[in-house]
Amino acid sequence: MNPIVKKNAVNYGIVLALVTMLISTIMYVVDLKLFVNMGIGFGQILIFLIVYGVMLHKTKKEMGGQMTFKDAFTTYFIAAGLRVTLATVFMIFLFNVVDVEAKEIVKEHTVKFQVEIMQKMGSTKQQMEEAIRELKESDQFGIATQIKGMAFALLGVSIAGLIFAAIFKSKEQTF
């Protein structure tokens, strides 16, 4: 593996993981309702995509302007994978060790939020009752659920990584 790819991927991955953990900690301390705030979620995604773009631009520049699709994808995937994995471990620790009661409070906020969305969409009472029942039976911060979510997140970052790699790879390769 190219040492520039490895260095940038690990450095950015760790920094983004720490930023994710900091944001989660702030949300935890300020108001648990923030965990169901779509604006915060979309804002985080936007910030991360910008940072990944900056990371790939920097990596390509450090590689003399020549970066293969594989190097671009590897850089992105390692950074995103580190962020997702470390942030998931943090969330498991926060909601299953530090404050188990907090996950029930977040679940209540999630149910209220889901009902509001379903009402706006014109869902029937039966549909809302079924959705509420499923939410109440689930453990969204349980270890198994978090690991499953991490797997889906890794799939999502893989797809985004393919797009980023296609954008940032060098158009003409010098051999």
N, C-alpha and C. Protein backbone atom coordinates (compact mmCIF):
# COMPACT_ATOMS: atom_id res chain seq x y z
N MET A 1 0.85 -1.18 0.00
CA MET A 1 0.00 0.00 0.00
C MET A 1 0.89 1.23 0.00
N ASN A 2 0.50 2.19 -0.79
CA ASN A 2 1.23 3.44 -0.87
C ASN A 2 1.23 4.11 0.51
N PRO A 3 2.42 4.53 1.00
CA PRO A 3 2.48 5.13 2.34
C PRO A 3 1.69 6.44 2.46
N ILE A 4 1.55 7.19 1.38
CA ILE A 4 0.76 8.43 1.41
C ILE A 4 -0.72 8.08 1.61
N VAL A 5 -1.18 7.06 0.89
CA VAL A 5 -2.57 6.61 1.02
C VAL A 5 -2.83 6.18 2.46
N LYS A 6 -1.94 5.36 2.99
CA LYS A 6 -2.10 4.84 4.35
C LYS A 6 -2.11 5.97 5.38
N LYS A 7 -1.15 6.87 5.27
CA LYS A 7 -1.02 7.97 6.24
C LYS A 7 -2.27 8.86 6.23
N ASN A 8 -2.67 9.30 5.05
CA ASN A 8 -3.83 10.19 4.97
C ASN A 8 -5.12 9.49 5.39
N ALA A 9 -5.29 8.26 4.97
CA ALA A 9 -6.51 7.52 5.30
C ALA A 9 -6.63 7.34 6.81
N VAL A 10 -5.55 6.91 7.45
CA VAL A 10 -5.59 6.68 8.90
C VAL A 10 -5.78 8.00 9.65
N ASN A 11 -5.00 9.02 9.27
CA ASN A 11 -5.11 10.31 9.96
C ASN A 11 -6.51 10.90 9.84
N TYR A 12 -7.05 10.96 8.63
CA TYR A 12 -8.38 11.53 8.43
C TYR A 12 -9.44 10.65 9.09
N GLY A 13 -9.30 9.34 9.01
CA GLY A 13 -10.26 8.44 9.63
C GLY A 13 -10.34 8.64 11.13
N ILE A 14 -9.20 8.75 11.77
CA ILE A 14 -9.19 8.95 13.22
C ILE A 14 -9.75 10.32 13.59
N VAL A 15 -9.36 11.35 12.85
CA VAL A 15 -9.87 12.70 13.14
C VAL A 15 -11.40 12.74 12.95
N LEU A 16 -11.89 12.15 11.87
CA LEU A 16 -13.34 12.15 11.64
C LEU A 16 -14.07 11.33 12.69
N ALA A 17 -13.47 10.24 13.14
CA ALA A 17 -14.08 9.45 14.21
C ALA A 17 -14.16 10.28 15.49
N LEU A 18 -13.09 11.00 15.80
CA LEU A 18 -13.10 11.85 16.99
C LEU A 18 -14.15 12.96 16.87
N VAL A 19 -14.28 13.53 15.68
CA VAL A 19 -15.30 14.56 15.46
C VAL A 19 -16.70 13.96 15.66
N THR A 20 -16.91 12.77 15.12
CA THR A 20 -18.21 12.10 15.28
C THR A 20 -18.50 11.85 16.76
N MET A 21 -17.50 11.37 17.48
CA MET A 21 -17.68 11.11 18.91
C MET A 21 -17.94 12.41 19.68
N LEU A 22 -17.27 13.48 19.30
CA LEU A 22 -17.48 14.78 19.94
C LEU A 22 -18.90 15.28 19.69
N ILE A 23 -19.36 15.17 18.46
CA ILE A 23 -20.72 15.59 18.13
C ILE A 23 -21.73 14.76 18.93
N SER A 24 -21.52 13.45 19.00
CA SER A 24 -22.42 12.59 19.77
C SER A 24 -22.40 12.95 21.24
N THR A 25 -21.24 13.26 21.76
CA THR A 25 -21.12 13.64 23.17
C THR A 25 -21.85 14.95 23.43
N ILE A 26 -21.69 15.91 22.55
CA ILE A 26 -22.38 17.19 22.70
C ILE A 26 -23.89 16.98 22.65
N MET A 27 -24.37 16.16 21.70
CA MET A 27 -25.79 15.89 21.61
C MET A 27 -26.28 15.20 22.89
N TYR A 28 -25.49 14.28 23.41
CA TYR A 28 -25.84 13.57 24.64
C TYR A 28 -25.96 14.53 25.81
N VAL A 29 -25.00 15.45 25.92
CA VAL A 29 -24.97 16.38 27.05
C VAL A 29 -26.05 17.45 26.92
N VAL A 30 -26.25 17.98 25.72
CA VAL A 30 -27.18 19.09 25.51
C VAL A 30 -28.64 18.63 25.57
N ASP A 31 -29.00 17.64 24.73
CA ASP A 31 -30.38 17.19 24.67
C ASP A 31 -30.45 15.90 23.86
N LEU A 32 -30.94 14.84 24.47
CA LEU A 32 -31.03 13.55 23.78
C LEU A 32 -31.93 13.60 22.56
N LYS A 33 -32.82 14.58 22.50
CA LYS A 33 -33.71 14.74 21.35
C LYS A 33 -32.91 15.01 20.07
N LEU A 34 -31.69 15.53 20.22
CA LEU A 34 -30.85 15.83 19.05
C LEU A 34 -30.47 14.57 18.28
N PHE A 35 -30.54 13.41 18.91
CA PHE A 35 -30.21 12.16 18.22
C PHE A 35 -31.23 11.81 17.15
N VAL A 36 -32.40 12.42 17.17
CA VAL A 36 -33.40 12.17 16.13
C VAL A 36 -33.58 13.39 15.22
N ASN A 37 -32.68 14.34 15.29
CA ASN A 37 -32.74 15.55 14.48
C ASN A 37 -32.14 15.26 13.11
N MET A 38 -32.99 15.27 12.08
CA MET A 38 -32.53 14.97 10.72
C MET A 38 -31.54 16.00 10.20
N GLY A 39 -31.69 17.24 10.60
CA GLY A 39 -30.79 18.30 10.16
C GLY A 39 -29.36 18.03 10.60
N ILE A 40 -29.21 17.57 11.84
CA ILE A 40 -27.87 17.25 12.35
C ILE A 40 -27.29 16.08 11.57
N GLY A 41 -28.11 15.08 11.32
CA GLY A 41 -27.63 13.91 10.57
C GLY A 41 -27.18 14.28 9.17
N PHE A 42 -28.01 15.05 8.45
CA PHE A 42 -27.65 15.47 7.10
C PHE A 42 -26.44 16.41 7.12
N GLY A 43 -26.38 17.27 8.14
CA GLY A 43 -25.24 18.17 8.27
C GLY A 43 -23.94 17.41 8.45
N GLN A 44 -23.97 16.37 9.28
CA GLN A 44 -22.77 15.55 9.47
C GLN A 44 -22.35 14.89 8.16
N ILE A 45 -23.30 14.34 7.45
CA ILE A 45 -22.99 13.68 6.17
C ILE A 45 -22.35 14.67 5.21
N LEU A 46 -22.91 15.86 5.11
CA LEU A 46 -22.37 16.88 4.21
C LEU A 46 -20.94 17.25 4.61
N ILE A 47 -20.72 17.48 5.89
CA ILE A 47 -19.37 17.82 6.37
C ILE A 47 -18.40 16.69 6.05
N PHE A 48 -18.80 15.45 6.32
CA PHE A 48 -17.90 14.32 6.06
C PHE A 48 -17.57 14.21 4.57
N LEU A 49 -18.57 14.40 3.71
CA LEU A 49 -18.30 14.30 2.27
C LEU A 49 -17.32 15.38 1.82
N ILE A 50 -17.46 16.57 2.36
CA ILE A 50 -16.51 17.65 2.03
C ILE A 50 -15.11 17.28 2.50
N VAL A 51 -15.01 16.78 3.73
CA VAL A 51 -13.69 16.41 4.27
C VAL A 51 -13.08 15.27 3.47
N TYR A 52 -13.89 14.29 3.06
CA TYR A 52 -13.36 13.20 2.24
C TYR A 52 -12.84 13.74 0.90
N GLY A 53 -13.55 14.70 0.33
CA GLY A 53 -13.08 15.31 -0.91
C GLY A 53 -11.76 16.04 -0.71
N VAL A 54 -11.65 16.78 0.40
CA VAL A 54 -10.39 17.47 0.72
C VAL A 54 -9.27 16.45 0.91
N MET A 55 -9.57 15.36 1.61
CA MET A 55 -8.57 14.32 1.86
C MET A 55 -8.07 13.72 0.54
N LEU A 56 -8.99 13.41 -0.37
CA LEU A 56 -8.58 12.81 -1.64
C LEU A 56 -7.81 13.80 -2.50
N HIS A 57 -8.22 15.06 -2.48
CA HIS A 57 -7.48 16.09 -3.23
C HIS A 57 -6.05 16.20 -2.69
N LYS A 58 -5.92 16.23 -1.37
CA LYS A 58 -4.60 16.33 -0.73
C LYS A 58 -3.76 15.10 -1.06
N THR A 59 -4.36 13.93 -1.00
CA THR A 59 -3.63 12.69 -1.28
C THR A 59 -3.14 12.69 -2.73
N LYS A 60 -4.00 13.07 -3.64
CA LYS A 60 -3.62 13.11 -5.05
C LYS A 60 -2.48 14.10 -5.27
N LYS A 61 -2.57 15.25 -4.63
CA LYS A 61 -1.53 16.27 -4.74
C LYS A 61 -0.20 15.74 -4.20
N GLU A 62 -0.25 15.07 -3.03
CA GLU A 62 0.97 14.51 -2.44
C GLU A 62 1.56 13.39 -3.28
N MET A 63 0.74 12.78 -4.12
CA MET A 63 1.21 11.71 -5.00
C MET A 63 1.63 12.26 -6.36
N GLY A 64 1.87 13.53 -6.43
CA GLY A 64 2.34 14.14 -7.67
C GLY A 64 1.26 14.30 -8.71
N GLY A 65 0.01 14.34 -8.28
CA GLY A 65 -1.10 14.51 -9.23
C GLY A 65 -1.54 13.24 -9.90
N GLN A 66 -0.93 12.13 -9.55
CA GLN A 66 -1.27 10.84 -10.15
C GLN A 66 -1.85 9.91 -9.08
N MET A 67 -3.12 9.56 -9.24
CA MET A 67 -3.74 8.65 -8.28
C MET A 67 -4.63 7.68 -9.05
N THR A 68 -4.43 6.40 -8.79
CA THR A 68 -5.24 5.38 -9.45
C THR A 68 -6.61 5.30 -8.77
N PHE A 69 -7.53 4.66 -9.45
CA PHE A 69 -8.84 4.42 -8.88
C PHE A 69 -8.70 3.64 -7.58
N LYS A 70 -7.82 2.63 -7.59
CA LYS A 70 -7.61 1.80 -6.40
C LYS A 70 -7.09 2.64 -5.23
N ASP A 71 -6.11 3.50 -5.48
CA ASP A 71 -5.56 4.34 -4.41
C ASP A 71 -6.62 5.30 -3.86
N ALA A 72 -7.43 5.87 -4.74
CA ALA A 72 -8.49 6.79 -4.30
C ALA A 72 -9.52 6.03 -3.46
N PHE A 73 -9.95 4.88 -3.96
CA PHE A 73 -10.95 4.10 -3.21
C PHE A 73 -10.39 3.63 -1.88
N THR A 74 -9.15 3.15 -1.88
CA THR A 74 -8.53 2.65 -0.65
C THR A 74 -8.42 3.77 0.38
N THR A 75 -7.99 4.94 -0.04
CA THR A 75 -7.88 6.08 0.87
C THR A 75 -9.23 6.40 1.49
N TYR A 76 -10.25 6.51 0.65
CA TYR A 76 -11.59 6.83 1.12
C TYR A 76 -12.11 5.73 2.06
N PHE A 77 -12.01 4.48 1.62
CA PHE A 77 -12.62 3.39 2.39
C PHE A 77 -11.96 3.21 3.76
N ILE A 78 -10.65 3.32 3.82
CA ILE A 78 -9.97 3.17 5.12
C ILE A 78 -10.40 4.30 6.06
N ALA A 79 -10.41 5.53 5.56
CA ALA A 79 -10.82 6.66 6.41
C ALA A 79 -12.27 6.51 6.86
N ALA A 80 -13.16 6.22 5.93
CA ALA A 80 -14.58 6.08 6.27
C ALA A 80 -14.80 4.87 7.16
N GLY A 81 -14.11 3.79 6.87
CA GLY A 81 -14.25 2.59 7.69
C GLY A 81 -13.79 2.80 9.13
N LEU A 82 -12.69 3.51 9.29
CA LEU A 82 -12.22 3.84 10.64
C LEU A 82 -13.24 4.71 11.36
N ARG A 83 -13.76 5.72 10.67
CA ARG A 83 -14.74 6.62 11.28
C ARG A 83 -15.97 5.84 11.72
N VAL A 84 -16.51 5.03 10.83
CA VAL A 84 -17.73 4.27 11.13
C VAL A 84 -17.49 3.28 12.28
N THR A 85 -16.39 2.56 12.23
CA THR A 85 -16.11 1.55 13.24
C THR A 85 -15.88 2.16 14.62
N LEU A 86 -15.02 3.17 14.69
CA LEU A 86 -14.74 3.80 15.99
C LEU A 86 -15.97 4.51 16.56
N ALA A 87 -16.74 5.16 15.70
CA ALA A 87 -17.95 5.84 16.16
C ALA A 87 -18.98 4.82 16.67
N THR A 88 -19.08 3.68 16.01
CA THR A 88 -20.01 2.64 16.44
C THR A 88 -19.60 2.08 17.80
N VAL A 89 -18.32 1.82 17.98
CA VAL A 89 -17.83 1.34 19.28
C VAL A 89 -18.15 2.37 20.36
N PHE A 90 -17.98 3.64 20.05
CA PHE A 90 -18.29 4.69 21.01
C PHE A 90 -19.77 4.69 21.38
N MET A 91 -20.65 4.58 20.37
CA MET A 91 -22.09 4.58 20.63
C MET A 91 -22.50 3.35 21.45
N ILE A 92 -21.90 2.20 21.16
CA ILE A 92 -22.19 1.00 21.94
C ILE A 92 -21.80 1.24 23.39
N PHE A 93 -20.63 1.80 23.60
CA PHE A 93 -20.15 2.09 24.96
C PHE A 93 -21.04 3.11 25.66
N LEU A 94 -21.39 4.19 24.96
CA LEU A 94 -22.20 5.24 25.55
C LEU A 94 -23.56 4.73 26.01
N PHE A 95 -24.25 4.00 25.13
CA PHE A 95 -25.63 3.62 25.42
C PHE A 95 -25.80 2.24 26.07
N ASN A 96 -24.73 1.47 26.18
CA ASN A 96 -24.85 0.16 26.80
C ASN A 96 -24.00 -0.01 28.04
N VAL A 97 -23.14 0.98 28.31
CA VAL A 97 -22.29 0.92 29.51
C VAL A 97 -22.46 2.18 30.34
N VAL A 98 -22.24 3.33 29.72
CA VAL A 98 -22.24 4.60 30.45
C VAL A 98 -23.65 4.98 30.93
N ASP A 99 -24.64 4.96 30.03
CA ASP A 99 -25.99 5.42 30.38
C ASP A 99 -27.04 4.60 29.63
N VAL A 100 -27.39 3.47 30.20
CA VAL A 100 -28.34 2.56 29.57
C VAL A 100 -29.74 3.20 29.48
N GLU A 101 -30.09 4.03 30.46
CA GLU A 101 -31.42 4.66 30.45
C GLU A 101 -31.57 5.66 29.30
N ALA A 102 -30.48 6.24 28.86
CA ALA A 102 -30.55 7.25 27.79
C ALA A 102 -31.11 6.66 26.50
N LYS A 103 -30.82 5.40 26.23
CA LYS A 103 -31.32 4.83 24.98
C LYS A 103 -32.85 4.71 25.00
N GLU A 104 -33.45 4.53 26.17
CA GLU A 104 -34.91 4.50 26.26
C GLU A 104 -35.50 5.89 26.01
N ILE A 105 -34.81 6.91 26.49
CA ILE A 105 -35.28 8.28 26.26
C ILE A 105 -35.19 8.62 24.77
N VAL A 106 -34.09 8.23 24.13
CA VAL A 106 -33.95 8.47 22.69
C VAL A 106 -35.01 7.69 21.93
N LYS A 107 -35.32 6.48 22.38
CA LYS A 107 -36.36 5.67 21.73
C LYS A 107 -37.71 6.40 21.79
N GLU A 108 -38.03 7.00 22.95
CA GLU A 108 -39.27 7.77 23.08
C GLU A 108 -39.30 8.94 22.10
N HIS A 109 -38.18 9.64 21.97
CA HIS A 109 -38.09 10.75 21.01
C HIS A 109 -38.23 10.23 19.58
N THR A 110 -37.67 9.07 19.30
CA THR A 110 -37.77 8.47 17.97
C THR A 110 -39.21 8.14 17.64
N VAL A 111 -39.94 7.58 18.60
CA VAL A 111 -41.36 7.25 18.39
C VAL A 111 -42.15 8.52 18.10
N LYS A 112 -41.95 9.57 18.89
CA LYS A 112 -42.66 10.83 18.67
C LYS A 112 -42.35 11.41 17.28
N PHE A 113 -41.07 11.37 16.92
CA PHE A 113 -40.64 11.89 15.62
C PHE A 113 -41.29 11.08 14.49
N GLN A 114 -41.28 9.76 14.63
CA GLN A 114 -41.86 8.89 13.61
C GLN A 114 -43.35 9.15 13.44
N VAL A 115 -44.06 9.33 14.54
CA VAL A 115 -45.49 9.63 14.49
C VAL A 115 -45.73 10.95 13.75
N GLU A 116 -44.94 11.97 14.07
CA GLU A 116 -45.09 13.27 13.39
C GLU A 116 -44.89 13.13 11.88
N ILE A 117 -43.86 12.40 11.50
CA ILE A 117 -43.58 12.21 10.06
C ILE A 117 -44.72 11.45 9.40
N MET A 118 -45.18 10.38 10.05
CA MET A 118 -46.25 9.58 9.47
C MET A 118 -47.56 10.35 9.36
N GLN A 119 -47.82 11.23 10.34
CA GLN A 119 -49.03 12.06 10.27
C GLN A 119 -48.94 13.02 9.09
N LYS A 120 -47.77 13.61 8.89
CA LYS A 120 -47.58 14.53 7.77
C LYS A 120 -47.73 13.82 6.43
N MET A 121 -47.37 12.53 6.40
CA MET A 121 -47.47 11.75 5.16
C MET A 121 -48.86 11.16 4.96
N GLY A 122 -49.76 11.36 5.93
CA GLY A 122 -51.12 10.87 5.80
C GLY A 122 -51.28 9.39 6.07
N SER A 123 -50.42 8.82 6.88
CA SER A 123 -50.51 7.40 7.22
C SER A 123 -51.76 7.12 8.03
N THR A 124 -52.24 5.89 7.92
CA THR A 124 -53.42 5.50 8.68
C THR A 124 -53.03 5.24 10.13
N LYS A 125 -54.03 5.21 10.99
CA LYS A 125 -53.79 4.94 12.40
C LYS A 125 -53.18 3.54 12.57
N GLN A 126 -53.65 2.60 11.78
CA GLN A 126 -53.13 1.23 11.85
C GLN A 126 -51.64 1.20 11.46
N GLN A 127 -51.26 1.92 10.43
CA GLN A 127 -49.86 1.98 10.01
C GLN A 127 -48.99 2.59 11.11
N MET A 128 -49.50 3.65 11.73
CA MET A 128 -48.74 4.30 12.80
C MET A 128 -48.60 3.38 14.01
N GLU A 129 -49.67 2.70 14.36
CA GLU A 129 -49.60 1.78 15.50
C GLU A 129 -48.59 0.67 15.26
N GLU A 130 -48.56 0.14 14.04
CA GLU A 130 -47.61 -0.92 13.69
C GLU A 130 -46.17 -0.40 13.77
N ALA A 131 -45.94 0.79 13.24
CA ALA A 131 -44.60 1.38 13.27
C ALA A 131 -44.16 1.65 14.71
N ILE A 132 -45.06 2.14 15.52
CA ILE A 132 -44.74 2.42 16.93
C ILE A 132 -44.43 1.12 17.66
N ARG A 133 -45.23 0.08 17.41
CA ARG A 133 -44.99 -1.22 18.04
C ARG A 133 -43.60 -1.74 17.69
N GLU A 134 -43.25 -1.67 16.41
CA GLU A 134 -41.93 -2.15 15.96
C GLU A 134 -40.80 -1.34 16.61
N LEU A 135 -40.97 -0.03 16.67
CA LEU A 135 -39.95 0.82 17.29
C LEU A 135 -39.78 0.50 18.77
N LYS A 136 -40.89 0.31 19.45
CA LYS A 136 -40.82 0.04 20.88
C LYS A 136 -40.20 -1.33 21.17
N GLU A 137 -40.38 -2.27 20.26
CA GLU A 137 -39.81 -3.61 20.45
C GLU A 137 -38.33 -3.67 20.09
N SER A 138 -37.86 -2.71 19.33
CA SER A 138 -36.46 -2.73 18.88
C SER A 138 -35.54 -2.09 19.91
N ASP A 139 -34.29 -2.43 19.81
CA ASP A 139 -33.26 -1.84 20.67
C ASP A 139 -32.25 -1.17 19.74
N GLN A 140 -32.57 0.05 19.31
CA GLN A 140 -31.77 0.72 18.28
C GLN A 140 -30.33 0.97 18.70
N PHE A 141 -30.04 0.97 20.00
CA PHE A 141 -28.67 1.16 20.46
C PHE A 141 -28.07 -0.11 21.05
N GLY A 142 -28.77 -1.23 20.88
CA GLY A 142 -28.22 -2.50 21.33
C GLY A 142 -26.98 -2.87 20.52
N ILE A 143 -26.17 -3.72 21.07
CA ILE A 143 -24.91 -4.08 20.42
C ILE A 143 -25.15 -4.70 19.05
N ALA A 144 -26.07 -5.67 18.97
CA ALA A 144 -26.33 -6.33 17.68
C ALA A 144 -26.87 -5.35 16.65
N THR A 145 -27.77 -4.48 17.07
CA THR A 145 -28.33 -3.48 16.15
C THR A 145 -27.26 -2.51 15.68
N GLN A 146 -26.39 -2.10 16.59
CA GLN A 146 -25.31 -1.18 16.22
C GLN A 146 -24.34 -1.84 15.23
N ILE A 147 -24.03 -3.11 15.45
CA ILE A 147 -23.12 -3.81 14.54
C ILE A 147 -23.77 -3.99 13.17
N LYS A 148 -25.06 -4.29 13.15
CA LYS A 148 -25.78 -4.40 11.87
C LYS A 148 -25.79 -3.05 11.17
N GLY A 149 -26.03 -1.99 11.93
CA GLY A 149 -26.00 -0.63 11.37
C GLY A 149 -24.63 -0.28 10.82
N MET A 150 -23.59 -0.73 11.52
CA MET A 150 -22.23 -0.48 11.06
C MET A 150 -21.99 -1.19 9.72
N ALA A 151 -22.49 -2.41 9.59
CA ALA A 151 -22.32 -3.14 8.34
C ALA A 151 -23.00 -2.41 7.18
N PHE A 152 -24.22 -1.92 7.42
CA PHE A 152 -24.92 -1.16 6.38
C PHE A 152 -24.20 0.16 6.08
N ALA A 153 -23.66 0.79 7.11
CA ALA A 153 -22.91 2.03 6.91
C ALA A 153 -21.66 1.77 6.06
N LEU A 154 -20.98 0.65 6.33
CA LEU A 154 -19.80 0.31 5.53
C LEU A 154 -20.18 0.05 4.07
N LEU A 155 -21.33 -0.55 3.85
CA LEU A 155 -21.81 -0.74 2.49
C LEU A 155 -22.06 0.62 1.83
N GLY A 156 -22.70 1.52 2.57
CA GLY A 156 -22.97 2.86 2.05
C GLY A 156 -21.70 3.63 1.73
N VAL A 157 -20.71 3.56 2.63
CA VAL A 157 -19.47 4.29 2.36
C VAL A 157 -18.71 3.64 1.21
N SER A 158 -18.91 2.34 1.00
CA SER A 158 -18.27 1.69 -0.15
C SER A 158 -18.81 2.25 -1.46
N ILE A 159 -20.11 2.41 -1.52
CA ILE A 159 -20.73 2.97 -2.72
C ILE A 159 -20.26 4.41 -2.93
N ALA A 160 -20.27 5.20 -1.86
CA ALA A 160 -19.78 6.58 -1.96
C ALA A 160 -18.30 6.59 -2.36
N GLY A 161 -17.54 5.64 -1.83
CA GLY A 161 -16.12 5.54 -2.15
C GLY A 161 -15.88 5.27 -3.63
N LEU A 162 -16.72 4.46 -4.23
CA LEU A 162 -16.60 4.19 -5.66
C LEU A 162 -16.81 5.47 -6.47
N ILE A 163 -17.78 6.26 -6.05
CA ILE A 163 -18.06 7.53 -6.74
C ILE A 163 -16.89 8.49 -6.56
N PHE A 164 -16.42 8.63 -5.33
CA PHE A 164 -15.29 9.52 -5.07
C PHE A 164 -14.05 9.07 -5.84
N ALA A 165 -13.80 7.76 -5.87
CA ALA A 165 -12.62 7.24 -6.57
C ALA A 165 -12.71 7.56 -8.06
N ALA A 166 -13.90 7.43 -8.63
CA ALA A 166 -14.06 7.74 -10.05
C ALA A 166 -13.81 9.22 -10.32
N ILE A 167 -14.18 10.07 -9.38
CA ILE A 167 -13.99 11.51 -9.54
C ILE A 167 -12.52 11.90 -9.39
N PHE A 168 -11.83 11.30 -8.41
CA PHE A 168 -10.48 11.74 -8.07
C PHE A 168 -9.35 10.98 -8.75
N LYS A 169 -9.66 9.89 -9.42
CA LYS A 169 -8.57 9.16 -10.10
C LYS A 169 -8.00 10.03 -11.21
N SER A 170 -6.75 9.80 -11.51
CA SER A 170 -6.12 10.55 -12.59
C SER A 170 -6.71 10.16 -13.92
N LYS A 171 -6.88 11.14 -14.76
CA LYS A 171 -7.46 10.88 -16.09
C LYS A 171 -6.46 10.15 -16.97
N GLU A 172 -5.22 10.59 -16.91
CA GLU A 172 -4.18 9.95 -17.70
C GLU A 172 -3.15 9.39 -16.74
N GLN A 173 -2.88 8.12 -16.87
CA GLN A 173 -1.90 7.47 -16.00
C GLN A 173 -0.53 7.56 -16.67
N THR A 174 0.50 7.91 -15.89
CA THR A 174 1.87 7.86 -16.38
C THR A 174 2.50 6.61 -15.81
N PHE A 175 3.20 5.89 -16.65
CA PHE A 175 3.81 4.62 -16.20
C PHE A 175 5.29 4.69 -16.21
